[in-house]
Protein backbone atom coordinates (compact mmCIF):
# COMPACT_ATOMS: atom_id res chain seq x y z
CA MET A 1 -17.82 31.92 19.19
CA LEU A 2 -19.22 28.38 19.06
CA ILE A 3 -18.18 26.55 22.23
CA GLY A 4 -17.38 22.89 21.60
CA TRP A 5 -17.91 23.18 17.84
CA ARG A 6 -16.14 20.46 15.86
CA ARG A 7 -16.00 19.77 12.15
CA PHE A 8 -17.68 16.61 10.90
CA MET A 9 -15.27 13.68 10.77
CA TRP A 10 -15.61 10.48 8.77
CA ARG A 11 -14.44 7.20 10.30
CA TYR A 12 -12.71 4.45 8.35
CA ARG A 13 -10.67 1.29 8.79
CA ALA A 14 -7.54 0.36 6.80
CA TYR A 15 -4.33 -1.58 7.50
CA SER A 16 -5.44 -2.34 11.09
CA LEU A 17 -5.91 1.39 11.83
CA ILE A 18 -9.08 3.25 12.77
CA ILE A 19 -8.90 6.52 10.83
CA GLU A 20 -10.84 9.69 11.59
CA SER A 21 -10.74 12.13 8.68
CA GLU A 22 -11.90 15.63 7.94
CA ILE A 23 -11.60 14.67 4.25
CA GLU A 24 -14.06 12.15 2.84
CA LEU A 25 -12.24 9.00 1.67
CA PRO A 26 -14.87 6.91 -0.16
CA GLU A 27 -12.32 4.26 -1.13
CA LEU A 28 -11.99 3.15 2.52
CA SER A 29 -14.26 0.83 4.48
CA PRO A 30 -16.33 2.58 7.18
CA ALA A 31 -15.60 1.96 10.88
CA GLU A 32 -17.83 1.99 13.94
CA SER A 33 -17.99 5.35 15.71
CA SER A 34 -17.31 3.73 19.10
CA GLU A 35 -13.85 2.42 18.18
CA SER A 36 -10.81 4.34 19.42
CA VAL A 37 -8.95 6.35 16.78
CA ASP A 38 -5.40 5.51 15.69
CA LEU A 39 -4.94 8.14 12.97
CA THR A 40 -6.49 11.58 12.48
CA ILE A 41 -6.47 13.36 9.10
CA ARG A 42 -7.29 17.04 9.09
CA ILE A 43 -6.96 20.17 6.99
CA GLY A 44 -4.53 22.83 8.20
CA GLU A 45 -1.34 24.74 7.60
CA VAL A 46 1.80 22.78 6.75
CA PRO A 47 5.31 24.29 6.67
CA VAL A 48 7.20 24.57 3.39
CA VAL A 49 10.29 22.94 4.94
CA LEU A 50 11.24 21.16 8.17
CA GLN A 51 13.68 22.90 10.49
CA ASP A 52 16.12 20.01 10.98
CA PRO A 53 15.49 17.22 8.47
CA VAL A 54 17.69 14.13 8.71
CA ALA A 55 16.62 12.80 5.30
CA GLU A 56 15.31 14.57 2.22
CA GLY A 57 14.61 14.09 -1.45
CA ALA A 58 12.96 15.87 -4.35
CA ARG A 59 9.49 15.89 -2.74
CA PHE A 60 10.02 15.04 0.91
CA GLN A 61 11.82 15.84 4.14
CA ALA A 62 11.89 13.59 7.19
CA ALA A 63 12.95 13.85 10.81
CA PRO A 64 12.27 11.62 13.83
CA GLY A 65 8.48 11.23 13.99
CA VAL A 66 7.85 13.75 11.20
CA LEU A 67 7.36 13.40 7.43
CA LEU A 68 6.77 16.34 5.08
CA VAL A 69 5.73 15.64 1.47
CA VAL A 70 5.33 18.48 -1.05
CA VAL A 71 3.55 17.78 -4.34
CA ASP A 72 3.53 20.67 -6.81
CA GLY A 73 0.03 21.46 -8.00
CA VAL A 74 -1.54 19.38 -5.23
CA GLY A 75 -0.40 20.54 -1.78
CA ARG A 76 1.72 19.82 1.27
CA PHE A 77 1.23 16.87 3.62
CA LEU A 78 2.64 16.46 7.13
CA ALA A 79 2.57 13.16 9.06
CA ARG A 80 3.52 13.19 12.72
CA ASP A 81 4.24 10.27 15.10
CA GLY A 82 2.07 7.87 13.11
CA GLU A 83 -1.01 9.54 14.60
CA THR A 84 -1.78 12.65 12.53
CA ILE A 85 -1.75 13.75 8.90
CA ILE A 86 -2.30 17.44 8.11
CA VAL A 87 -3.25 18.38 4.55
CA ASP A 88 -2.56 21.87 3.16
CA ARG A 89 -4.08 21.75 -0.32
CA GLU A 90 -3.38 24.14 -3.16
CA SER A 91 -6.32 25.98 -4.71
CA GLY A 92 -7.84 24.12 -7.62
CA THR A 93 -6.58 20.74 -6.45
CA THR A 94 -9.02 17.90 -7.10
CA ASP A 95 -10.21 15.60 -4.35
CA SER A 96 -8.86 12.61 -6.29
CA ASP A 97 -5.37 14.16 -6.29
CA ILE A 98 -5.49 14.62 -2.52
CA ARG A 99 -6.81 11.11 -1.90
CA LEU A 100 -4.20 9.49 -4.14
CA PHE A 101 -1.33 10.89 -2.07
CA LEU A 102 -3.13 10.42 1.24
CA LEU A 103 -3.91 6.75 0.65
CA GLY A 104 -0.53 5.94 -0.89
CA THR A 105 2.52 7.96 0.08
CA MET A 106 1.19 9.41 3.34
CA LEU A 107 -0.54 6.31 4.66
CA GLY A 108 2.61 4.34 3.85
CA GLY A 109 4.65 6.91 5.77
CA VAL A 110 2.32 6.70 8.78
CA LEU A 111 2.55 2.91 8.85
CA GLN A 112 6.33 3.19 8.87
CA GLN A 113 6.25 5.77 11.68
CA ARG A 114 4.26 3.22 13.69
CA GLY A 115 6.92 0.55 13.10
CA ILE A 116 4.70 -1.48 10.74
CA LEU A 117 6.61 -3.24 7.96
CA THR A 118 5.21 -1.72 4.76
CA LEU A 119 6.08 -3.46 1.50
CA HIS A 120 5.35 -2.28 -2.04
CA GLY A 121 2.89 -4.85 -3.26
CA SER A 122 -0.59 -6.31 -3.49
CA VAL A 123 -2.03 -9.11 -1.37
CA VAL A 124 -4.74 -11.71 -1.99
CA ASP A 125 -6.08 -14.40 0.31
CA SER A 126 -6.04 -18.14 -0.38
CA PRO A 127 -7.13 -21.21 1.60
CA GLN A 128 -3.46 -21.75 2.49
CA GLY A 129 -2.95 -18.17 3.70
CA ALA A 130 -2.28 -14.72 2.28
CA VAL A 131 -0.14 -14.28 -0.85
CA ALA A 132 1.84 -11.09 -1.55
CA ILE A 133 2.82 -9.93 -5.04
CA LEU A 134 5.74 -7.50 -4.64
CA GLY A 135 7.81 -5.49 -7.10
CA HIS A 136 8.82 -2.02 -8.15
CA SER A 137 6.48 0.30 -10.08
CA GLY A 138 5.41 -1.20 -13.39
CA ALA A 139 6.31 -4.77 -12.45
CA GLY A 140 2.69 -5.96 -12.80
CA LYS A 141 1.68 -6.29 -9.15
CA SER A 142 -1.88 -4.97 -9.45
CA THR A 143 -2.47 -6.77 -12.76
CA THR A 144 -1.41 -10.08 -11.24
CA ALA A 145 -3.50 -9.47 -8.11
CA TYR A 146 -6.55 -8.64 -10.22
CA ALA A 147 -6.05 -11.80 -12.28
CA LEU A 148 -5.89 -13.82 -9.05
CA HIS A 149 -9.02 -12.04 -7.83
CA GLU A 150 -10.74 -13.10 -11.07
CA ARG A 151 -9.81 -16.68 -10.16
CA GLY A 152 -11.69 -16.35 -6.88
CA PHE A 153 -8.91 -15.25 -4.50
CA SER A 154 -10.11 -12.42 -2.26
CA LEU A 155 -8.35 -9.06 -2.27
CA VAL A 156 -6.55 -8.11 0.93
CA SER A 157 -4.81 -4.94 -0.29
CA ASP A 158 -3.46 -3.33 -3.46
CA ASP A 159 -0.18 -1.36 -3.61
CA LEU A 160 0.65 -1.52 0.12
CA CYS A 161 1.34 -4.70 2.09
CA ALA A 162 1.25 -3.89 5.83
CA VAL A 163 2.77 -6.52 8.15
CA ARG A 164 2.98 -6.32 11.93
CA LEU A 165 3.69 -8.77 14.74
CA ASN A 166 0.81 -10.01 16.88
CA ASP A 167 1.06 -10.50 20.65
CA ALA A 168 2.68 -13.91 20.09
CA GLY A 169 5.36 -12.37 17.88
CA GLU A 170 3.88 -13.84 14.69
CA PRO A 171 3.82 -11.67 11.52
CA ARG A 172 0.36 -10.91 10.18
CA VAL A 173 -0.81 -8.93 7.14
CA PHE A 174 -3.83 -6.60 7.33
CA GLY A 175 -6.50 -5.59 4.84
CA GLY A 176 -6.28 -2.26 3.05
CA TYR A 177 -9.26 -1.02 1.04
CA PRO A 178 -11.40 -2.54 -1.76
CA GLN A 179 -9.85 -1.04 -4.89
CA PHE A 180 -7.36 -1.95 -7.62
CA LYS A 181 -5.44 0.57 -9.74
CA LEU A 182 -4.85 -0.55 -13.34
CA TRP A 183 -3.30 0.95 -16.48
CA PRO A 184 -5.20 0.84 -19.83
CA ASP A 185 -3.32 -2.23 -21.15
CA SER A 186 -4.39 -4.21 -18.09
CA LEU A 187 -7.96 -2.94 -18.38
CA ALA A 188 -8.02 -4.17 -21.98
CA ALA A 189 -6.67 -7.58 -20.94
CA PHE A 190 -9.58 -7.95 -18.51
CA GLU A 191 -12.10 -6.40 -20.96
CA LEU A 192 -12.84 -3.51 -18.60
CA GLY A 193 -14.07 -0.32 -20.25
CA GLU A 194 -12.02 2.78 -19.39
CA GLY A 195 -14.99 5.11 -19.74
CA ASP A 196 -16.77 3.65 -16.73
CA LEU A 197 -13.79 4.00 -14.40
CA ARG A 198 -12.40 7.03 -12.56
CA ARG A 199 -8.82 8.15 -13.21
CA VAL A 200 -6.69 7.98 -10.07
CA ARG A 201 -5.49 11.48 -11.03
CA PRO A 202 -6.82 13.71 -13.81
CA VAL A 203 -3.36 13.71 -15.46
CA LEU A 204 -2.93 9.91 -15.35
CA GLU A 205 -4.46 7.17 -17.50
CA LYS A 206 -4.40 4.72 -14.59
CA ARG A 207 -7.94 3.89 -13.40
CA ALA A 208 -9.47 3.01 -10.06
CA VAL A 209 -11.23 -0.36 -10.28
CA PRO A 210 -13.54 -1.02 -7.33
CA CYS A 211 -13.49 -4.45 -5.74
CA LEU A 212 -17.18 -5.26 -5.50
CA GLU A 213 -16.83 -7.79 -2.70
CA GLU A 214 -16.09 -6.74 0.86
CA ILE A 215 -12.44 -7.28 1.77
CA SER A 216 -11.30 -8.76 5.03
CA THR A 217 -9.83 -6.15 7.36
CA GLY A 218 -8.62 -8.71 9.90
CA ALA A 219 -5.20 -10.28 10.36
CA ARG A 220 -3.98 -12.88 7.87
CA ARG A 221 -0.99 -15.19 7.99
CA LEU A 222 1.30 -14.46 5.03
CA LYS A 223 2.41 -17.74 3.45
CA ARG A 224 3.76 -16.93 -0.01
CA VAL A 225 5.62 -13.95 -1.47
CA PHE A 226 6.33 -13.46 -5.19
CA VAL A 227 8.73 -10.70 -6.26
CA LEU A 228 8.07 -9.66 -9.86
CA SER A 229 10.57 -8.15 -12.27
CA GLU A 230 10.93 -7.93 -16.04
CA SER A 231 13.55 -9.81 -18.04
CA ASN A 232 14.54 -10.47 -21.65
CA SER A 233 13.56 -14.14 -21.35
CA VAL A 234 10.93 -15.65 -23.62
CA GLU A 235 9.15 -17.53 -20.82
CA SER A 236 8.43 -16.63 -17.21
CA GLN A 237 11.00 -18.01 -14.79
CA PHE A 238 10.46 -18.85 -11.12
CA ARG A 239 13.30 -19.24 -8.62
CA GLU A 240 12.73 -19.97 -4.93
CA ILE A 241 14.65 -17.68 -2.57
CA GLN A 242 16.10 -19.44 0.47
CA GLY A 243 17.39 -18.56 3.94
CA PHE A 244 18.68 -15.10 4.81
CA ALA A 245 18.39 -14.07 1.15
CA LYS A 246 14.64 -13.73 1.79
CA ILE A 247 15.25 -10.95 4.30
CA ASP A 248 17.55 -9.12 1.89
CA ARG A 249 14.95 -9.30 -0.88
CA LEU A 250 12.18 -8.17 1.45
CA LYS A 251 14.27 -5.14 2.48
CA GLU A 252 14.50 -4.16 -1.19
CA GLN A 253 10.69 -4.10 -1.36
CA ILE A 254 10.10 -1.77 1.60
CA TYR A 255 7.75 0.99 0.49
CA ARG A 256 9.45 4.40 0.37
CA ARG A 257 12.51 3.15 2.28
CA GLN A 258 13.84 6.71 2.44
CA PHE A 259 10.96 7.58 4.83
CA LEU A 260 11.99 4.98 7.41
CA MET A 261 13.55 6.72 10.40
CA LYS A 262 15.92 5.10 12.89
CA GLU A 263 13.40 4.97 15.75
CA ALA A 264 11.08 2.68 13.73
CA GLN A 265 13.75 0.47 12.19
CA GLY A 266 14.01 -1.90 15.16
CA LYS A 267 10.36 -2.99 14.98
CA VAL A 268 10.43 -3.14 11.17
CA PHE A 269 13.54 -5.33 11.06
CA GLU A 270 12.17 -7.56 13.83
CA THR A 271 9.10 -8.13 11.65
CA LEU A 272 11.31 -8.76 8.61
CA ALA A 273 13.22 -11.47 10.46
CA ALA A 274 10.04 -13.15 11.69
CA LEU A 275 8.45 -12.96 8.24
CA GLY A 276 11.50 -14.46 6.57
CA GLY A 277 11.10 -17.53 8.79
CA GLU A 278 7.41 -18.00 7.92
CA ILE A 279 7.13 -17.59 4.16
CA ARG A 280 8.12 -19.35 1.00
CA MET A 281 9.39 -16.73 -1.42
CA TYR A 282 9.92 -16.72 -5.18
CA GLU A 283 11.67 -14.42 -7.60
CA VAL A 284 9.61 -14.20 -10.79
CA LEU A 285 11.23 -13.03 -14.02
CA ARG A 286 8.57 -12.31 -16.59
CA PRO A 287 9.11 -11.38 -20.25
CA ARG A 288 8.96 -7.72 -21.18
CA GLY A 289 5.80 -6.69 -22.97
CA ASP A 290 2.71 -8.86 -23.38
CA ILE A 291 2.52 -12.22 -21.62
CA VAL A 292 -0.04 -15.01 -21.67
CA LEU A 293 -1.64 -13.90 -18.41
CA GLU A 294 -3.66 -17.06 -17.85
CA ARG A 295 -0.58 -19.29 -18.07
CA PHE A 296 1.40 -16.88 -15.88
CA VAL A 297 -1.26 -16.98 -13.16
CA ASP A 298 -1.41 -20.79 -13.42
CA GLU A 299 2.31 -20.86 -12.61
CA ILE A 300 1.80 -18.67 -9.55
CA VAL A 301 -1.23 -20.58 -8.24
CA SER A 302 0.62 -23.89 -8.60
CA ARG A 303 3.08 -22.61 -5.97
CA PHE A 304 0.43 -21.74 -3.37
């Protein structure tokens, strides 16, 4: 027996967390080895079901402090108390499959367990403050964020927008990791060749597009929020959302709302209320199908 033997662990930083992982996660920014760990990711056995779930769906079960996600053909994932993720992978599963669910669904679940408001969207930085592009899947969040990045606005995060209160009770958004995820039509719009880019999963056409500049992992003040959705209109339409309606619309954009357990709701809703008082927020109805992206981005930037 090897006394004191320990598997090698990588250290990363994302969404204000220091992450120690038994699984290499090259998408994430490295962290100093001296910093205290917030989240540990390791390989181990995960149950098929939870004993007493209080919420469940097609691929998940949740209980206070516990989230179980089962992905056929990939594996089982268990998050506990916002501090640990255990991965039980199926044989033949690719590393990219594991990382996709770790860095999306599971990391989002961990943030929620920690009481961090987690919205479904991408964030860029501007001289006026951070700007979030929210919306349901397929709304064009990553495409819009990439177009803003092409205009010189730095990436803060793609897909997850993590907001927490600082010691003064002010809502701040934190950097994720330097990568966009784009579908082929968006790649074509930006003249990016598919062949040079890794698929996010072998069965998906969506590609991982590295952000070549280093992203900021520190706290940013969120100043503008745009909620994207498709419409039958010919032109894009912008409508400012006022008052308490901002909080209602933000609630609709909570990432994997079904994962949010009662014990974390107090902190999340406190952050929602504070955020609603700080931001200007717009509903954006964009035409279905192709749009003139340059003009669309002009409209967004004019509201920064």
